């Protein structure tokens, strides 16, 4: 999957699952604040990624993520394995 395809798919899914405006999900937007995530939401996000993308993320993978760009980079890295 190309990065742009992955970004669009992830934006759609995150906007729907976390009930935020898709337009607020930009590459440089802060991930945690934009989606209003707490530690329980991170667990939900792990499950959502597995369901929609077919690979697992660990809760710890989110520790260093600051922006959606970081999140997309993580997804691309996992998708390429």
N, C-alpha and C. Protein backbone atom coordinates (compact mmCIF):
# COMPACT_ATOMS: atom_id res chain seq x y z
N UNK A 1 0.85 -1.17 0.00
CA UNK A 1 0.00 0.00 0.00
C UNK A 1 0.90 1.24 0.00
N UNK A 2 0.58 2.16 -0.86
CA UNK A 2 1.32 3.43 -0.91
C UNK A 2 0.99 4.27 0.32
N UNK A 3 1.90 5.15 0.69
CA UNK A 3 1.69 5.97 1.89
C UNK A 3 0.42 6.81 1.79
N UNK A 4 0.18 7.41 0.64
CA UNK A 4 -1.00 8.27 0.50
C UNK A 4 -2.30 7.47 0.67
N UNK A 5 -2.33 6.25 0.15
CA UNK A 5 -3.50 5.39 0.34
C UNK A 5 -3.69 5.06 1.81
N UNK A 6 -2.58 4.75 2.48
CA UNK A 6 -2.64 4.43 3.89
C UNK A 6 -3.12 5.63 4.70
N UNK A 7 -2.61 6.81 4.38
CA UNK A 7 -3.01 8.03 5.08
C UNK A 7 -4.51 8.26 4.93
N UNK A 8 -5.02 8.16 3.73
CA UNK A 8 -6.45 8.39 3.50
C UNK A 8 -7.31 7.37 4.25
N UNK A 9 -6.91 6.11 4.19
CA UNK A 9 -7.65 5.07 4.90
C UNK A 9 -7.62 5.33 6.40
N UNK A 10 -6.45 5.64 6.94
CA UNK A 10 -6.32 5.89 8.37
C UNK A 10 -7.13 7.12 8.79
N UNK A 11 -7.10 8.17 7.99
CA UNK A 11 -7.88 9.38 8.31
C UNK A 11 -9.36 9.07 8.39
N UNK A 12 -9.86 8.33 7.40
CA UNK A 12 -11.28 7.95 7.39
C UNK A 12 -11.65 7.16 8.64
N UNK A 13 -10.82 6.17 8.95
CA UNK A 13 -11.10 5.29 10.08
C UNK A 13 -11.05 6.06 11.40
N UNK A 14 -10.01 6.84 11.59
CA UNK A 14 -9.86 7.59 12.85
C UNK A 14 -10.98 8.62 13.02
N UNK A 15 -11.34 9.30 11.95
CA UNK A 15 -12.43 10.28 12.03
C UNK A 15 -13.74 9.60 12.44
N UNK A 16 -14.01 8.46 11.85
CA UNK A 16 -15.25 7.74 12.16
C UNK A 16 -15.22 7.15 13.56
N UNK A 17 -14.15 6.45 13.89
CA UNK A 17 -14.07 5.75 15.18
C UNK A 17 -14.03 6.70 16.37
N UNK A 18 -13.35 7.84 16.21
CA UNK A 18 -13.19 8.76 17.34
C UNK A 18 -14.06 10.01 17.20
N UNK A 19 -14.95 9.99 16.20
CA UNK A 19 -15.95 11.03 16.01
C UNK A 19 -15.35 12.44 15.98
N UNK A 20 -14.37 12.60 15.09
CA UNK A 20 -13.77 13.92 14.88
C UNK A 20 -13.89 14.27 13.40
N UNK A 21 -13.80 15.54 13.11
CA UNK A 21 -13.85 16.01 11.73
C UNK A 21 -12.59 15.55 11.00
N UNK A 22 -12.79 14.90 9.88
CA UNK A 22 -11.66 14.40 9.09
C UNK A 22 -10.68 15.51 8.73
N UNK A 23 -11.19 16.71 8.52
CA UNK A 23 -10.34 17.84 8.15
C UNK A 23 -9.39 18.25 9.28
N UNK A 24 -9.71 17.89 10.51
CA UNK A 24 -8.82 18.22 11.64
C UNK A 24 -7.65 17.25 11.74
N UNK A 25 -7.72 16.16 10.98
CA UNK A 25 -6.65 15.16 11.00
C UNK A 25 -5.67 15.48 9.87
N UNK A 26 -4.68 16.29 10.22
CA UNK A 26 -3.65 16.67 9.26
C UNK A 26 -2.33 16.03 9.69
N UNK A 27 -1.37 16.00 8.78
CA UNK A 27 -0.08 15.36 9.07
C UNK A 27 0.59 15.92 10.32
N UNK A 28 0.49 17.24 10.52
CA UNK A 28 1.20 17.84 11.65
C UNK A 28 0.32 18.06 12.88
N UNK A 29 -0.93 17.61 12.83
CA UNK A 29 -1.83 17.73 13.98
C UNK A 29 -1.38 16.79 15.10
N UNK A 30 -1.48 17.23 16.35
CA UNK A 30 -1.11 16.35 17.46
C UNK A 30 -2.11 15.20 17.60
N UNK A 31 -1.59 14.00 17.57
CA UNK A 31 -2.42 12.79 17.57
C UNK A 31 -3.32 12.69 18.80
N UNK A 32 -2.71 12.72 19.98
CA UNK A 32 -3.46 12.51 21.22
C UNK A 32 -4.52 13.59 21.44
N UNK A 33 -4.16 14.84 21.20
CA UNK A 33 -5.08 15.94 21.44
C UNK A 33 -6.21 15.98 20.41
N UNK A 34 -5.88 15.74 19.16
CA UNK A 34 -6.89 15.81 18.10
C UNK A 34 -7.97 14.75 18.30
N UNK A 35 -7.53 13.54 18.67
CA UNK A 35 -8.49 12.45 18.88
C UNK A 35 -8.98 12.38 20.33
N UNK A 36 -8.45 13.26 21.18
CA UNK A 36 -8.80 13.30 22.60
C UNK A 36 -8.61 11.91 23.24
N UNK A 37 -7.41 11.36 23.06
CA UNK A 37 -7.11 10.00 23.51
C UNK A 37 -6.62 9.96 24.95
N UNK A 38 -7.09 8.95 25.67
CA UNK A 38 -6.52 8.62 26.97
C UNK A 38 -5.94 7.21 26.86
N UNK A 39 -5.45 6.66 27.94
CA UNK A 39 -4.78 5.35 27.87
C UNK A 39 -5.73 4.24 27.42
N UNK A 40 -7.00 4.31 27.77
CA UNK A 40 -7.95 3.30 27.32
C UNK A 40 -8.22 3.42 25.83
N UNK A 41 -8.23 4.64 25.32
CA UNK A 41 -8.42 4.85 23.88
C UNK A 41 -7.26 4.28 23.08
N UNK A 42 -6.06 4.29 23.66
CA UNK A 42 -4.90 3.72 22.97
C UNK A 42 -5.14 2.23 22.74
N UNK A 43 -5.69 1.55 23.73
CA UNK A 43 -6.01 0.13 23.58
C UNK A 43 -7.02 -0.04 22.45
N UNK A 44 -8.03 0.81 22.40
CA UNK A 44 -9.01 0.76 21.31
C UNK A 44 -8.32 0.97 19.97
N UNK A 45 -7.39 1.89 19.92
CA UNK A 45 -6.70 2.19 18.68
C UNK A 45 -5.88 0.99 18.19
N UNK A 46 -5.26 0.27 19.12
CA UNK A 46 -4.51 -0.95 18.78
C UNK A 46 -5.45 -1.94 18.10
N UNK A 47 -6.63 -2.12 18.67
CA UNK A 47 -7.62 -3.05 18.12
C UNK A 47 -8.11 -2.57 16.76
N UNK A 48 -8.39 -1.29 16.64
CA UNK A 48 -8.87 -0.71 15.38
C UNK A 48 -7.85 -0.92 14.26
N UNK A 49 -6.58 -0.66 14.56
CA UNK A 49 -5.53 -0.85 13.55
C UNK A 49 -5.46 -2.31 13.12
N UNK A 50 -5.52 -3.22 14.09
CA UNK A 50 -5.47 -4.64 13.75
C UNK A 50 -6.66 -5.05 12.88
N UNK A 51 -7.85 -4.58 13.22
CA UNK A 51 -9.05 -4.92 12.45
C UNK A 51 -8.99 -4.38 11.02
N UNK A 52 -8.53 -3.16 10.85
CA UNK A 52 -8.58 -2.50 9.55
C UNK A 52 -7.33 -2.69 8.69
N UNK A 53 -6.19 -2.92 9.34
CA UNK A 53 -4.94 -3.02 8.58
C UNK A 53 -4.31 -4.41 8.63
N UNK A 54 -4.77 -5.25 9.56
CA UNK A 54 -4.30 -6.63 9.61
C UNK A 54 -2.96 -6.85 10.27
N UNK A 55 -2.45 -5.89 11.00
CA UNK A 55 -1.22 -6.11 11.76
C UNK A 55 -1.37 -5.50 13.15
N UNK A 56 -0.54 -5.99 14.05
CA UNK A 56 -0.64 -5.58 15.44
C UNK A 56 0.31 -4.44 15.77
N UNK A 57 -0.18 -3.56 16.59
CA UNK A 57 0.66 -2.54 17.21
C UNK A 57 0.65 -2.83 18.71
N UNK A 58 1.72 -2.48 19.36
CA UNK A 58 1.75 -2.59 20.82
C UNK A 58 1.38 -1.23 21.40
N UNK A 59 0.78 -1.28 22.56
CA UNK A 59 0.43 -0.02 23.23
C UNK A 59 1.67 0.87 23.36
N UNK A 60 2.82 0.23 23.58
CA UNK A 60 4.08 0.96 23.73
C UNK A 60 4.48 1.70 22.46
N UNK A 61 4.02 1.22 21.30
CA UNK A 61 4.34 1.88 20.03
C UNK A 61 3.86 3.33 20.01
N UNK A 62 2.86 3.62 20.81
CA UNK A 62 2.26 4.96 20.80
C UNK A 62 3.02 5.95 21.68
N UNK A 63 3.95 5.46 22.49
CA UNK A 63 4.65 6.33 23.45
C UNK A 63 5.40 7.47 22.78
N UNK A 64 5.98 7.23 21.62
CA UNK A 64 6.79 8.25 20.96
C UNK A 64 6.05 9.02 19.87
N UNK A 65 4.80 8.68 19.65
CA UNK A 65 4.03 9.34 18.59
C UNK A 65 3.55 10.71 19.06
N UNK A 66 3.82 11.71 18.26
CA UNK A 66 3.36 13.06 18.58
C UNK A 66 2.32 13.55 17.58
N UNK A 67 2.56 13.30 16.31
CA UNK A 67 1.67 13.81 15.26
C UNK A 67 1.08 12.66 14.45
N UNK A 68 0.13 13.00 13.60
CA UNK A 68 -0.42 11.98 12.71
C UNK A 68 0.64 11.49 11.73
N UNK A 69 1.57 12.34 11.36
CA UNK A 69 2.66 11.92 10.49
C UNK A 69 3.46 10.80 11.15
N UNK A 70 3.74 10.93 12.44
CA UNK A 70 4.43 9.87 13.19
C UNK A 70 3.61 8.58 13.15
N UNK A 71 2.32 8.71 13.33
CA UNK A 71 1.41 7.56 13.31
C UNK A 71 1.43 6.89 11.94
N UNK A 72 1.35 7.67 10.89
CA UNK A 72 1.38 7.11 9.54
C UNK A 72 2.71 6.42 9.25
N UNK A 73 3.80 7.02 9.72
CA UNK A 73 5.12 6.39 9.54
C UNK A 73 5.17 5.04 10.24
N UNK A 74 4.61 4.97 11.44
CA UNK A 74 4.55 3.70 12.17
C UNK A 74 3.73 2.67 11.39
N UNK A 75 2.58 3.09 10.89
CA UNK A 75 1.75 2.17 10.10
C UNK A 75 2.49 1.68 8.86
N UNK A 76 3.18 2.57 8.18
CA UNK A 76 3.94 2.17 6.98
C UNK A 76 5.03 1.16 7.33
N UNK A 77 5.74 1.41 8.42
CA UNK A 77 6.79 0.49 8.86
C UNK A 77 6.22 -0.89 9.14
N UNK A 78 5.10 -0.94 9.85
CA UNK A 78 4.47 -2.23 10.18
C UNK A 78 3.92 -2.90 8.92
N UNK A 79 3.36 -2.11 8.02
CA UNK A 79 2.77 -2.67 6.80
C UNK A 79 3.82 -3.29 5.89
N UNK A 80 5.03 -2.75 5.93
CA UNK A 80 6.10 -3.23 5.06
C UNK A 80 6.75 -4.51 5.57
N UNK A 81 6.45 -4.91 6.79
CA UNK A 81 7.06 -6.13 7.36
C UNK A 81 6.34 -7.37 6.89
